[in-house]
C-alpha atoms as a PDB file:
ATOM      1  CA  MET A   1      67.223  87.730 168.176  1.00  0.00           C
ATOM      2  CA  LEU A   2      68.039  87.221 171.845  1.00  0.00           C
ATOM      3  CA  LEU A   3      70.078  89.934 173.446  1.00  0.00           C
ATOM      4  CA  ALA A   4      71.511  89.096 176.821  1.00  0.00           C
ATOM      5  CA  LEU A   5      73.213  91.835 178.753  1.00  0.00           C
ATOM      6  CA  ALA A   6      75.024  91.566 182.041  1.00  0.00           C
ATOM      7  CA  ALA A   7      74.757  94.823 183.929  1.00  0.00           C
ATOM      8  CA  CYS A   8      78.045  96.679 184.157  1.00  0.00           C
ATOM      9  CA  SER A   9      78.255  98.642 187.352  1.00  0.00           C
ATOM     10  CA  SER A  10      80.680  99.507 190.087  1.00  0.00           C
ATOM     11  CA  GLU A  11      78.630  97.551 192.613  1.00  0.00           C
ATOM     12  CA  LYS A  12      79.998  94.148 193.619  1.00  0.00           C
ATOM     13  CA  THR A  13      77.737  91.112 193.703  1.00  0.00           C
ATOM     14  CA  SER A  14      78.277  87.845 195.476  1.00  0.00           C
ATOM     15  CA  GLY A  15      77.101  84.278 195.101  1.00  0.00           C
ATOM     16  CA  SER A  16      75.210  83.407 191.962  1.00  0.00           C
ATOM     17  CA  ALA A  17      75.442  85.160 188.645  1.00  0.00           C
ATOM     18  CA  SER A  18      72.783  85.788 186.077  1.00  0.00           C
ATOM     19  CA  VAL A  19      72.318  87.865 182.976  1.00  0.00           C
ATOM     20  CA  SER A  20      69.330  89.802 181.761  1.00  0.00           C
ATOM     21  CA  ALA A  21      67.845  88.872 178.416  1.00  0.00           C
ATOM     22  CA  SER A  22      65.484  90.439 175.951  1.00  0.00           C
ATOM     23  CA  THR A  23      64.011  89.087 172.738  1.00  0.00           C
ATOM     24  CA  GLY A  24      62.492  90.481 169.598  1.00  0.00           C
ATOM     25  CA  ALA A  25      62.988  93.405 167.266  1.00  0.00           C
ATOM     26  CA  HIS A  26      61.670  95.845 169.867  1.00  0.00           C
ATOM     27  CA  ALA A  27      63.673  94.466 172.786  1.00  0.00           C
ATOM     28  CA  GLU A  28      63.880  97.847 174.485  1.00  0.00           C
ATOM     29  CA  GLU A  29      60.102  97.735 175.009  1.00  0.00           C
ATOM     30  CA  GLU A  30      60.026  94.281 176.601  1.00  0.00           C
ATOM     31  CA  LYS A  31      60.676  93.194 180.160  1.00  0.00           C
ATOM     32  CA  LEU A  32      64.069  91.546 180.589  1.00  0.00           C
ATOM     33  CA  ALA A  33      64.212  87.880 181.580  1.00  0.00           C
ATOM     34  CA  GLU A  34      66.984  86.114 183.490  1.00  0.00           C
ATOM     35  CA  LEU A  35      69.466  83.520 182.251  1.00  0.00           C
ATOM     36  CA  THR A  36      71.438  81.566 184.815  1.00  0.00           C
ATOM     37  CA  VAL A  37      75.090  80.724 184.343  1.00  0.00           C
ATOM     38  CA  ASP A  38      74.029  77.091 183.816  1.00  0.00           C
ATOM     39  CA  GLU A  39      71.631  78.135 181.040  1.00  0.00           C
ATOM     40  CA  VAL A  40      74.370  80.129 179.324  1.00  0.00           C
ATOM     41  CA  GLU A  41      76.789  77.209 179.679  1.00  0.00           C
ATOM     42  CA  ALA A  42      74.226  74.820 178.145  1.00  0.00           C
ATOM     43  CA  ARG A  43      73.571  77.210 175.267  1.00  0.00           C
ATOM     44  CA  ILE A  44      77.304  77.486 174.530  1.00  0.00           C
ATOM     45  CA  ALA A  45      77.666  73.687 174.729  1.00  0.00           C
ATOM     46  CA  LYS A  46      74.854  73.262 172.187  1.00  0.00           C
ATOM     47  CA  ASN A  47      77.285  74.766 169.641  1.00  0.00           C
ATOM     48  CA  ASP A  48      74.724  75.185 166.867  1.00  0.00           C
ATOM     49  CA  GLY A  49      76.251  78.300 165.313  1.00  0.00           C
ATOM     50  CA  LYS A  50      73.308  80.439 166.455  1.00  0.00           C
ATOM     51  CA  PHE A  51      74.678  81.661 169.815  1.00  0.00           C
ATOM     52  CA  PHE A  52      77.394  84.298 170.036  1.00  0.00           C
ATOM     53  CA  VAL A  53      79.127  85.544 173.180  1.00  0.00           C
ATOM     54  CA  TYR A  54      80.737  88.985 173.460  1.00  0.00           C
ATOM     55  CA  ASP A  55      82.941  90.107 176.356  1.00  0.00           C
ATOM     56  CA  ASN A  56      82.566  93.837 177.050  1.00  0.00           C
ATOM     57  CA  ASN A  57      85.177  94.017 179.823  1.00  0.00           C
ATOM     58  CA  LYS A  58      88.431  95.927 179.598  1.00  0.00           C
ATOM     59  CA  LYS A  59      90.943  94.268 177.250  1.00  0.00           C
ATOM     60  CA  GLU A  60      93.220  93.368 180.177  1.00  0.00           C
ATOM     61  CA  MET A  61      90.392  91.488 181.872  1.00  0.00           C
ATOM     62  CA  PHE A  62      89.498  89.660 178.652  1.00  0.00           C
ATOM     63  CA  ASP A  63      93.146  88.670 178.189  1.00  0.00           C
ATOM     64  CA  SER A  64      93.346  87.309 181.733  1.00  0.00           C
ATOM     65  CA  GLY A  65      90.255  85.131 181.283  1.00  0.00           C
ATOM     66  CA  HIS A  66      86.862  85.048 179.599  1.00  0.00           C
ATOM     67  CA  VAL A  67      83.896  82.817 178.809  1.00  0.00           C
ATOM     68  CA  PRO A  68      85.021  80.079 176.400  1.00  0.00           C
ATOM     69  CA  GLY A  69      84.389  81.160 172.823  1.00  0.00           C
ATOM     70  CA  ALA A  70      83.716  84.782 173.745  1.00  0.00           C
ATOM     71  CA  LYS A  71      84.833  87.520 171.378  1.00  0.00           C
ATOM     72  CA  TYR A  72      86.279  90.714 172.829  1.00  0.00           C
ATOM     73  CA  LEU A  73      84.066  93.670 171.931  1.00  0.00           C
ATOM     74  CA  PRO A  74      84.264  96.941 173.865  1.00  0.00           C
ATOM     75  CA  ILE A  75      80.770  98.199 174.679  1.00  0.00           C
ATOM     76  CA  SER A  76      81.679 101.666 173.414  1.00  0.00           C
ATOM     77  CA  ASP A  77      82.734 100.310 170.021  1.00  0.00           C
ATOM     78  CA  ILE A  78      79.962  97.936 168.878  1.00  0.00           C
ATOM     79  CA  LYS A  79      79.194  98.145 165.163  1.00  0.00           C
ATOM     80  CA  ALA A  80      76.702  96.163 163.101  1.00  0.00           C
ATOM     81  CA  SER A  81      79.633  94.615 161.219  1.00  0.00           C
ATOM     82  CA  ASP A  82      80.826  93.028 164.514  1.00  0.00           C
ATOM     83  CA  LEU A  83      77.595  91.062 164.819  1.00  0.00           C
ATOM     84  CA  PRO A  84      76.373  88.005 162.894  1.00  0.00           C
ATOM     85  CA  GLU A  85      74.314  88.621 159.764  1.00  0.00           C
ATOM     86  CA  ASP A  86      71.657  86.151 160.961  1.00  0.00           C
ATOM     87  CA  LYS A  87      69.003  88.360 162.596  1.00  0.00           C
ATOM     88  CA  ASN A  88      67.674  85.300 164.458  1.00  0.00           C
ATOM     89  CA  ALA A  89      71.026  84.579 166.105  1.00  0.00           C
ATOM     90  CA  GLU A  90      71.229  84.748 169.876  1.00  0.00           C
ATOM     91  CA  LEU A  91      73.696  87.265 171.256  1.00  0.00           C
ATOM     92  CA  LEU A  92      75.120  87.405 174.781  1.00  0.00           C
ATOM     93  CA  PHE A  93      77.013  90.503 175.893  1.00  0.00           C
ATOM     94  CA  TYR A  94      78.629  90.428 179.333  1.00  0.00           C
ATOM     95  CA  CYS A  95      80.935  92.348 181.606  1.00  0.00           C
ATOM     96  CA  SER A  96      81.921  92.221 185.255  1.00  0.00           C
ATOM     97  CA  ASN A  97      81.283  94.447 188.211  1.00  0.00           C
ATOM     98  CA  GLU A  98      84.697  95.959 188.839  1.00  0.00           C
ATOM     99  CA  LYS A  99      85.786  97.575 192.072  1.00  0.00           C
END
């Protein structure tokens, strides 16, 4: 399983965007890699049913715009039932840096 997490902080960033990624059952023990926006876009375009995108922003932000195909899922309310049953699926969780 690939878990990709965009850091949610109050610090603004400029220019390029990237997300951190971790793989494997013991992801918390592994160093996080980087995915570029282009890599995420290509993975979404592949549309193989093995890549799932979750928006962890506030509902108002999700409603005003989100990554195509993303499902709204508040970070404080993630349950196993919200995630795909396929343990080899790739999951991308993201949020913005609000100020």
